[in-house]
Structure formats: C-alpha cells, structure tokens
C-alpha cells in the first residue's frame, strides 16, 4: 500500500477503517464515513492525525464530527487523567464504558490537530469548531 489512499465514492466505510488500522499516512475521505466505523478503529494509540476540513461550516460539528474524534483520539492519557480525578486505580476504569467514552471524545486530544478552511464570515462556525482545538483559515486554498 502507498502513503496516500482516497476513500471516495467507489469505496465504503470499511475501506476507511482498514486504511486507518493499516497505518496509511494520508487518507482523503468524507466526514460521513466515520459514523459507520468509529467503534471499529483500533490502532490509533501513539499515532497523530491532522484533520483538514475544506469548506467548514457549523452543521459539520454534530455526531459525525464527534464520531471522527472518537475513532481517532488516543484516549489512554484521558483515561489516566479520569482515574486520577476520580481517585481510582487505572485498572478500575473500564475503557469500554460507553458514557466514559463519549465524555472523553468531547475534549481536546494531543494526537488530533484540526485545520479548518472556510470562506464564510460566520463567527458561529469558529466558535463551534473551537472545541476541537482547530483554527479556521479563511479564504486559503488547500495545498
């Protein structure tokens, strides 16, 4: 396999899962493929991801964006922090707890970087995406 893989219309979400799990360095896809596979991605710990969103708008911050973060976030550090805050030993924290997983996915993660491109002048879009740690770059073409 090469360093770049496009998961376009001719491919499905399972192809995206396989590309992530197989360590493909650059993946071009749509946000809509993540909700199908977000629980099946299993090889992200220790890996960093840069997510580039072209023509970003506030409607993209719903469950699809959250599931993208759930799929790609390295949650090991967040689980350690949770255990410490709750006064638990790390072994007492169930990393498969659904509520805990959703809580952790909401936060910022050191292994995820977001660069957002938009021609929109909406402050709402910037405020909604601010929780990702991303920055909006206006009117800048993707390279």
N, C-alpha and C. Protein backbone atom coordinates (compact mmCIF):
# COMPACT_ATOMS: atom_id res chain seq x y z
N UNK A 1 0.83 -1.19 0.00
CA UNK A 1 0.00 0.00 0.00
C UNK A 1 0.87 1.24 0.00
N UNK A 2 0.33 2.30 -0.60
CA UNK A 2 1.06 3.55 -0.67
C UNK A 2 0.85 4.41 0.56
N UNK A 3 1.42 5.59 0.50
CA UNK A 3 1.31 6.52 1.62
C UNK A 3 0.00 7.29 1.59
N UNK A 4 -0.67 7.34 0.43
CA UNK A 4 -1.91 8.09 0.28
C UNK A 4 -3.00 7.15 -0.23
N UNK A 5 -4.18 7.25 0.38
CA UNK A 5 -5.31 6.48 -0.11
C UNK A 5 -6.55 7.36 -0.10
N UNK A 6 -7.27 7.36 -1.21
CA UNK A 6 -8.52 8.10 -1.31
C UNK A 6 -9.67 7.14 -1.10
N UNK A 7 -10.50 7.46 -0.14
CA UNK A 7 -11.70 6.66 0.14
C UNK A 7 -12.86 7.46 -0.43
N UNK A 8 -13.04 7.36 -1.73
CA UNK A 8 -14.06 8.14 -2.44
C UNK A 8 -15.37 7.40 -2.57
N UNK A 9 -16.15 7.84 -3.55
CA UNK A 9 -17.48 7.26 -3.76
C UNK A 9 -17.43 5.78 -4.11
N UNK A 10 -16.34 5.34 -4.71
CA UNK A 10 -16.22 3.94 -5.12
C UNK A 10 -15.79 3.02 -3.98
N UNK A 11 -15.56 3.59 -2.79
CA UNK A 11 -15.15 2.79 -1.63
C UNK A 11 -16.12 3.06 -0.50
N UNK A 12 -16.06 2.20 0.52
CA UNK A 12 -17.00 2.34 1.62
C UNK A 12 -16.29 2.57 2.96
N UNK A 13 -17.07 2.62 4.01
CA UNK A 13 -16.53 2.89 5.34
C UNK A 13 -15.55 1.83 5.81
N UNK A 14 -15.76 0.57 5.40
CA UNK A 14 -14.83 -0.48 5.79
C UNK A 14 -13.45 -0.24 5.19
N UNK A 15 -13.41 0.34 3.98
CA UNK A 15 -12.13 0.70 3.37
C UNK A 15 -11.44 1.78 4.19
N UNK A 16 -12.22 2.71 4.74
CA UNK A 16 -11.67 3.75 5.60
C UNK A 16 -11.10 3.13 6.87
N UNK A 17 -11.85 2.26 7.49
CA UNK A 17 -11.38 1.57 8.71
C UNK A 17 -10.06 0.85 8.44
N UNK A 18 -10.01 0.12 7.34
CA UNK A 18 -8.80 -0.63 7.01
C UNK A 18 -7.62 0.30 6.75
N UNK A 19 -7.86 1.42 6.09
CA UNK A 19 -6.78 2.37 5.83
C UNK A 19 -6.22 2.92 7.14
N UNK A 20 -7.10 3.26 8.07
CA UNK A 20 -6.65 3.79 9.38
C UNK A 20 -5.89 2.70 10.14
N UNK A 21 -6.49 1.52 10.24
CA UNK A 21 -5.87 0.43 11.00
C UNK A 21 -4.58 -0.06 10.38
N UNK A 22 -4.43 0.10 9.06
CA UNK A 22 -3.21 -0.33 8.37
C UNK A 22 -2.13 0.76 8.35
N UNK A 23 -2.40 1.90 8.97
CA UNK A 23 -1.39 2.93 9.11
C UNK A 23 -1.14 3.78 7.86
N UNK A 24 -2.12 3.86 6.97
CA UNK A 24 -1.95 4.73 5.80
C UNK A 24 -1.70 6.14 6.31
N UNK A 25 -0.69 6.79 5.77
CA UNK A 25 -0.24 8.08 6.28
C UNK A 25 -1.18 9.23 5.92
N UNK A 26 -1.75 9.22 4.71
CA UNK A 26 -2.65 10.29 4.28
C UNK A 26 -3.90 9.63 3.72
N UNK A 27 -5.04 10.02 4.29
CA UNK A 27 -6.32 9.46 3.85
C UNK A 27 -7.23 10.62 3.47
N UNK A 28 -7.76 10.55 2.26
CA UNK A 28 -8.70 11.56 1.78
C UNK A 28 -10.08 10.92 1.79
N UNK A 29 -11.01 11.50 2.53
CA UNK A 29 -12.35 10.91 2.63
C UNK A 29 -13.35 11.98 3.03
N UNK A 30 -14.58 11.54 3.27
CA UNK A 30 -15.62 12.45 3.74
C UNK A 30 -15.94 12.15 5.20
N UNK A 31 -16.44 13.16 5.88
CA UNK A 31 -16.82 13.04 7.28
C UNK A 31 -17.91 11.99 7.46
N UNK A 32 -18.75 11.81 6.46
CA UNK A 32 -19.91 10.93 6.56
C UNK A 32 -19.55 9.45 6.69
N UNK A 33 -18.32 9.06 6.41
CA UNK A 33 -17.95 7.65 6.51
C UNK A 33 -17.59 7.24 7.95
N UNK A 34 -17.29 8.19 8.82
CA UNK A 34 -16.85 7.87 10.18
C UNK A 34 -17.93 7.27 11.08
N UNK A 35 -19.20 7.71 11.02
CA UNK A 35 -20.19 7.13 11.93
C UNK A 35 -20.37 5.62 11.78
N UNK A 36 -20.07 5.07 10.62
CA UNK A 36 -20.24 3.64 10.40
C UNK A 36 -19.13 2.83 11.06
N UNK A 37 -17.92 3.38 11.17
CA UNK A 37 -16.76 2.58 11.61
C UNK A 37 -16.09 3.08 12.89
N UNK A 38 -16.63 4.12 13.51
CA UNK A 38 -15.90 4.75 14.62
C UNK A 38 -15.61 3.80 15.78
N UNK A 39 -16.41 2.79 15.99
CA UNK A 39 -16.15 1.85 17.08
C UNK A 39 -15.22 0.72 16.66
N UNK A 40 -14.92 0.63 15.37
CA UNK A 40 -14.11 -0.48 14.84
C UNK A 40 -12.65 -0.11 14.60
N UNK A 41 -12.32 1.17 14.74
CA UNK A 41 -10.93 1.61 14.56
C UNK A 41 -10.20 1.28 15.84
N UNK A 42 -9.08 0.54 15.72
CA UNK A 42 -8.44 0.06 16.94
C UNK A 42 -6.95 0.28 17.04
N UNK A 43 -6.37 0.96 16.10
CA UNK A 43 -4.91 1.10 16.13
C UNK A 43 -4.49 2.56 16.07
N UNK A 44 -4.99 3.38 17.00
CA UNK A 44 -4.65 4.81 16.96
C UNK A 44 -3.74 5.25 18.10
N UNK A 45 -3.64 4.46 19.17
CA UNK A 45 -2.78 4.88 20.28
C UNK A 45 -1.35 5.09 19.81
N UNK A 46 -0.80 6.24 20.17
CA UNK A 46 0.57 6.57 19.78
C UNK A 46 0.68 7.19 18.40
N UNK A 47 -0.43 7.35 17.70
CA UNK A 47 -0.41 7.94 16.36
C UNK A 47 -1.06 9.32 16.41
N UNK A 48 -0.58 10.21 15.55
CA UNK A 48 -1.15 11.56 15.45
C UNK A 48 -1.89 11.71 14.14
N UNK A 49 -2.95 12.53 14.17
CA UNK A 49 -3.76 12.76 12.98
C UNK A 49 -3.97 14.25 12.78
N UNK A 50 -3.84 14.69 11.56
CA UNK A 50 -4.20 16.05 11.17
C UNK A 50 -5.46 15.94 10.33
N UNK A 51 -6.50 16.61 10.77
CA UNK A 51 -7.77 16.58 10.06
C UNK A 51 -7.93 17.94 9.38
N UNK A 52 -8.01 17.90 8.07
CA UNK A 52 -8.18 19.12 7.28
C UNK A 52 -9.60 19.13 6.75
N UNK A 53 -10.35 20.15 7.11
CA UNK A 53 -11.75 20.25 6.69
C UNK A 53 -11.87 21.42 5.73
N UNK A 54 -12.24 21.11 4.50
CA UNK A 54 -12.42 22.14 3.48
C UNK A 54 -13.89 22.58 3.50
N UNK A 55 -14.10 23.88 3.36
CA UNK A 55 -15.45 24.46 3.38
C UNK A 55 -16.19 24.06 4.65
N UNK A 56 -15.56 24.33 5.77
CA UNK A 56 -16.14 24.00 7.07
C UNK A 56 -17.36 24.88 7.34
N UNK A 57 -18.35 24.31 8.00
CA UNK A 57 -19.49 25.09 8.47
C UNK A 57 -20.02 24.45 9.74
N UNK A 58 -20.82 25.20 10.47
CA UNK A 58 -21.25 24.77 11.80
C UNK A 58 -22.07 23.49 11.78
N UNK A 59 -22.73 23.16 10.68
CA UNK A 59 -23.54 21.95 10.64
C UNK A 59 -22.69 20.68 10.65
N UNK A 60 -21.37 20.81 10.46
CA UNK A 60 -20.48 19.64 10.46
C UNK A 60 -20.00 19.26 11.85
N UNK A 61 -20.49 19.91 12.87
CA UNK A 61 -19.99 19.66 14.22
C UNK A 61 -20.84 18.70 15.02
N UNK A 62 -21.78 18.07 14.40
CA UNK A 62 -22.69 17.18 15.11
C UNK A 62 -22.09 15.82 15.37
N UNK A 63 -22.92 14.80 15.28
CA UNK A 63 -22.50 13.46 15.65
C UNK A 63 -21.42 12.91 14.73
N UNK A 64 -21.39 13.30 13.47
CA UNK A 64 -20.34 12.79 12.57
C UNK A 64 -18.97 13.28 13.01
N UNK A 65 -18.86 14.54 13.38
CA UNK A 65 -17.58 15.08 13.85
C UNK A 65 -17.17 14.42 15.17
N UNK A 66 -18.13 14.21 16.05
CA UNK A 66 -17.83 13.55 17.33
C UNK A 66 -17.35 12.12 17.10
N UNK A 67 -17.95 11.44 16.15
CA UNK A 67 -17.55 10.07 15.86
C UNK A 67 -16.18 10.01 15.19
N UNK A 68 -15.84 11.03 14.41
CA UNK A 68 -14.49 11.12 13.87
C UNK A 68 -13.49 11.22 15.02
N UNK A 69 -13.77 12.09 15.99
CA UNK A 69 -12.89 12.24 17.15
C UNK A 69 -12.82 10.95 17.96
N UNK A 70 -13.96 10.27 18.13
CA UNK A 70 -13.99 9.02 18.87
C UNK A 70 -13.11 7.98 18.19
N UNK A 71 -13.16 7.94 16.86
CA UNK A 71 -12.37 6.96 16.12
C UNK A 71 -10.88 7.22 16.20
N UNK A 72 -10.47 8.50 16.17
CA UNK A 72 -9.06 8.83 16.02
C UNK A 72 -8.35 9.24 17.31
N UNK A 73 -9.08 9.56 18.35
CA UNK A 73 -8.46 10.06 19.57
C UNK A 73 -7.70 8.97 20.31
N UNK A 74 -6.49 9.31 20.75
CA UNK A 74 -5.71 8.45 21.64
C UNK A 74 -6.21 8.74 23.05
N UNK A 75 -7.02 7.86 23.59
CA UNK A 75 -7.70 8.13 24.86
C UNK A 75 -6.93 7.65 26.09
N UNK A 76 -5.79 7.05 25.90
CA UNK A 76 -5.03 6.49 27.02
C UNK A 76 -4.75 7.54 28.10
N UNK A 77 -4.26 8.70 27.68
CA UNK A 77 -3.93 9.76 28.63
C UNK A 77 -5.19 10.30 29.32
N UNK A 78 -6.27 10.43 28.55
CA UNK A 78 -7.53 10.92 29.12
C UNK A 78 -8.08 9.94 30.16
N UNK A 79 -7.94 8.64 29.91
CA UNK A 79 -8.39 7.65 30.88
C UNK A 79 -7.56 7.71 32.16
N UNK A 80 -6.26 7.94 32.03
CA UNK A 80 -5.39 8.08 33.20
C UNK A 80 -5.80 9.31 34.01
N UNK A 81 -6.07 10.41 33.31
CA UNK A 81 -6.49 11.64 33.99
C UNK A 81 -7.83 11.44 34.70
N UNK A 82 -8.76 10.75 34.05
CA UNK A 82 -10.06 10.47 34.66
C UNK A 82 -9.89 9.65 35.94
N UNK A 83 -9.08 8.61 35.87
CA UNK A 83 -8.85 7.77 37.05
C UNK A 83 -8.28 8.60 38.20
N UNK A 84 -7.34 9.46 37.88
CA UNK A 84 -6.71 10.31 38.91
C UNK A 84 -7.75 11.24 39.54
N UNK A 85 -8.58 11.89 38.70
CA UNK A 85 -9.59 12.81 39.22
C UNK A 85 -10.64 12.11 40.07
N UNK A 86 -10.95 10.87 39.73
CA UNK A 86 -11.97 10.13 40.46
C UNK A 86 -11.40 9.35 41.64
N UNK A 87 -10.07 9.39 41.80
CA UNK A 87 -9.44 8.67 42.89
C UNK A 87 -9.47 7.16 42.70
N UNK A 88 -9.40 6.73 41.45
CA UNK A 88 -9.44 5.31 41.12
C UNK A 88 -8.08 4.84 40.64
N UNK A 89 -7.83 3.56 40.82
CA UNK A 89 -6.65 2.96 40.19
C UNK A 89 -6.99 2.82 38.71
N UNK A 90 -5.99 2.93 37.85
CA UNK A 90 -6.24 2.83 36.40
C UNK A 90 -6.95 1.55 36.02
N UNK A 91 -6.66 0.45 36.75
CA UNK A 91 -7.28 -0.84 36.44
C UNK A 91 -8.78 -0.83 36.74
N UNK A 92 -9.23 0.11 37.59
CA UNK A 92 -10.64 0.19 37.95
C UNK A 92 -11.48 0.91 36.89
N UNK A 93 -10.84 1.58 35.97
CA UNK A 93 -11.55 2.32 34.93
C UNK A 93 -11.81 1.39 33.75
N UNK A 94 -13.07 1.30 33.36
CA UNK A 94 -13.44 0.45 32.22
C UNK A 94 -13.37 1.29 30.94
N UNK A 95 -12.34 1.06 30.11
CA UNK A 95 -12.20 1.86 28.89
C UNK A 95 -13.32 1.61 27.88
N UNK A 96 -14.13 0.58 28.10
CA UNK A 96 -15.25 0.28 27.20
C UNK A 96 -16.57 0.87 27.69
N UNK A 97 -16.55 1.56 28.85
CA UNK A 97 -17.75 2.19 29.37
C UNK A 97 -18.25 3.23 28.37
N UNK A 98 -19.46 3.07 27.89
CA UNK A 98 -19.99 3.91 26.80
C UNK A 98 -20.06 5.39 27.18
N UNK A 99 -20.55 5.68 28.37
CA UNK A 99 -20.66 7.06 28.82
C UNK A 99 -19.28 7.70 28.95
N UNK A 100 -18.35 6.96 29.52
CA UNK A 100 -16.98 7.45 29.67
C UNK A 100 -16.35 7.73 28.30
N UNK A 101 -16.56 6.83 27.35
CA UNK A 101 -16.01 7.02 26.01
C UNK A 101 -16.55 8.29 25.36
N UNK A 102 -17.85 8.53 25.53
CA UNK A 102 -18.45 9.74 24.95
C UNK A 102 -17.92 11.00 25.62
N UNK A 103 -17.75 10.94 26.94
CA UNK A 103 -17.22 12.08 27.68
C UNK A 103 -15.81 12.41 27.21
N UNK A 104 -14.98 11.40 27.08
CA UNK A 104 -13.59 11.60 26.68
C UNK A 104 -13.50 12.12 25.26
N UNK A 105 -14.36 11.66 24.38
CA UNK A 105 -14.33 12.11 22.98
C UNK A 105 -14.64 13.59 22.85
N UNK A 106 -15.35 14.16 23.82
CA UNK A 106 -15.73 15.57 23.75
C UNK A 106 -14.53 16.51 23.88
N UNK A 107 -13.50 16.11 24.57
CA UNK A 107 -12.40 17.02 24.87
C UNK A 107 -11.38 17.14 23.75
N UNK A 108 -10.35 17.93 24.03
CA UNK A 108 -9.23 18.07 23.11
C UNK A 108 -8.28 16.91 23.32
N UNK A 109 -7.60 16.52 22.25
CA UNK A 109 -6.66 15.41 22.33
C UNK A 109 -5.34 15.82 21.68
N UNK A 110 -4.25 15.50 22.35
CA UNK A 110 -2.93 15.89 21.85
C UNK A 110 -2.60 15.26 20.51
N UNK A 111 -3.22 14.13 20.17
CA UNK A 111 -2.88 13.46 18.92
C UNK A 111 -3.76 13.91 17.74
N UNK A 112 -4.66 14.87 17.98
CA UNK A 112 -5.53 15.36 16.90
C UNK A 112 -5.29 16.84 16.66
N UNK A 113 -5.05 17.19 15.41
CA UNK A 113 -4.92 18.60 15.01
C UNK A 113 -5.96 18.86 13.93
N UNK A 114 -6.61 20.00 14.03
CA UNK A 114 -7.64 20.36 13.06
C UNK A 114 -7.25 21.65 12.38
N UNK A 115 -7.32 21.67 11.07
CA UNK A 115 -7.14 22.89 10.29
C UNK A 115 -8.39 23.04 9.43
N UNK A 116 -9.07 24.12 9.60
CA UNK A 116 -10.39 24.31 9.01
C UNK A 116 -10.34 25.45 8.00
N UNK A 117 -10.84 25.20 6.81
CA UNK A 117 -10.86 26.20 5.75
C UNK A 117 -12.29 26.64 5.49
N UNK A 118 -12.47 27.96 5.38
CA UNK A 118 -13.82 28.46 5.13
C UNK A 118 -13.76 29.83 4.47
N UNK A 119 -14.70 30.08 3.60
CA UNK A 119 -14.89 31.42 3.05
C UNK A 119 -15.98 32.15 3.80
N UNK A 120 -16.66 31.45 4.70
CA UNK A 120 -17.74 32.05 5.48
C UNK A 120 -17.18 33.03 6.49
N UNK A 121 -17.93 34.06 6.73
CA UNK A 121 -17.52 35.08 7.70
C UNK A 121 -18.22 34.87 9.05
N UNK A 122 -18.78 33.69 9.27
CA UNK A 122 -19.57 33.42 10.45
C UNK A 122 -18.69 33.19 11.68
N UNK A 123 -18.95 33.95 12.72
CA UNK A 123 -18.25 33.73 13.99
C UNK A 123 -18.78 32.47 14.66
N UNK A 124 -20.04 32.11 14.35
CA UNK A 124 -20.65 30.92 14.92
C UNK A 124 -19.86 29.67 14.52
N UNK A 125 -19.47 29.57 13.28
CA UNK A 125 -18.70 28.42 12.81
C UNK A 125 -17.40 28.31 13.60
N UNK A 126 -16.71 29.41 13.77
CA UNK A 126 -15.45 29.40 14.52
C UNK A 126 -15.66 29.01 15.96
N UNK A 127 -16.74 29.50 16.57
CA UNK A 127 -16.99 29.17 17.97
C UNK A 127 -17.33 27.70 18.15
N UNK A 128 -18.10 27.14 17.23
CA UNK A 128 -18.50 25.74 17.35
C UNK A 128 -17.29 24.83 17.18
N UNK A 129 -16.41 25.14 16.22
CA UNK A 129 -15.25 24.29 15.98
C UNK A 129 -14.12 24.57 16.98
N UNK A 130 -14.21 25.62 17.75
CA UNK A 130 -13.13 25.96 18.69
C UNK A 130 -12.87 24.84 19.68
N UNK A 131 -13.88 24.06 20.02
CA UNK A 131 -13.73 22.96 20.96
C UNK A 131 -12.81 21.87 20.46
N UNK A 132 -12.52 21.84 19.18
CA UNK A 132 -11.63 20.82 18.64
C UNK A 132 -10.17 21.23 18.78
N UNK A 133 -9.94 22.50 19.12
CA UNK A 133 -8.57 23.00 19.13
C UNK A 133 -8.15 23.44 17.74
N UNK A 134 -9.09 23.41 16.82
CA UNK A 134 -8.78 23.78 15.44
C UNK A 134 -8.75 25.28 15.24
N UNK A 135 -8.21 25.66 14.13
CA UNK A 135 -8.21 27.09 13.80
C UNK A 135 -8.78 27.22 12.39
N UNK A 136 -9.53 28.27 12.20
CA UNK A 136 -10.12 28.50 10.90
C UNK A 136 -9.21 29.40 10.08
N UNK A 137 -8.93 28.97 8.89
CA UNK A 137 -8.13 29.74 7.96
C UNK A 137 -9.08 30.17 6.84
N UNK A 138 -9.35 31.46 6.75
CA UNK A 138 -10.32 31.94 5.77
C UNK A 138 -9.68 32.14 4.41
N UNK A 139 -10.42 31.76 3.40
CA UNK A 139 -10.07 32.02 2.01
C UNK A 139 -8.67 31.52 1.62
N UNK A 140 -8.26 30.44 2.18
CA UNK A 140 -6.94 29.88 1.85
C UNK A 140 -7.16 28.55 1.15
N UNK A 141 -6.64 28.38 -0.05
CA UNK A 141 -6.82 27.11 -0.75
C UNK A 141 -6.01 25.99 -0.09
N UNK A 142 -6.53 24.78 -0.17
CA UNK A 142 -5.77 23.64 0.34
C UNK A 142 -4.57 23.39 -0.56
N UNK A 143 -3.48 22.99 0.06
CA UNK A 143 -2.27 22.73 -0.70
C UNK A 143 -2.12 21.24 -0.89
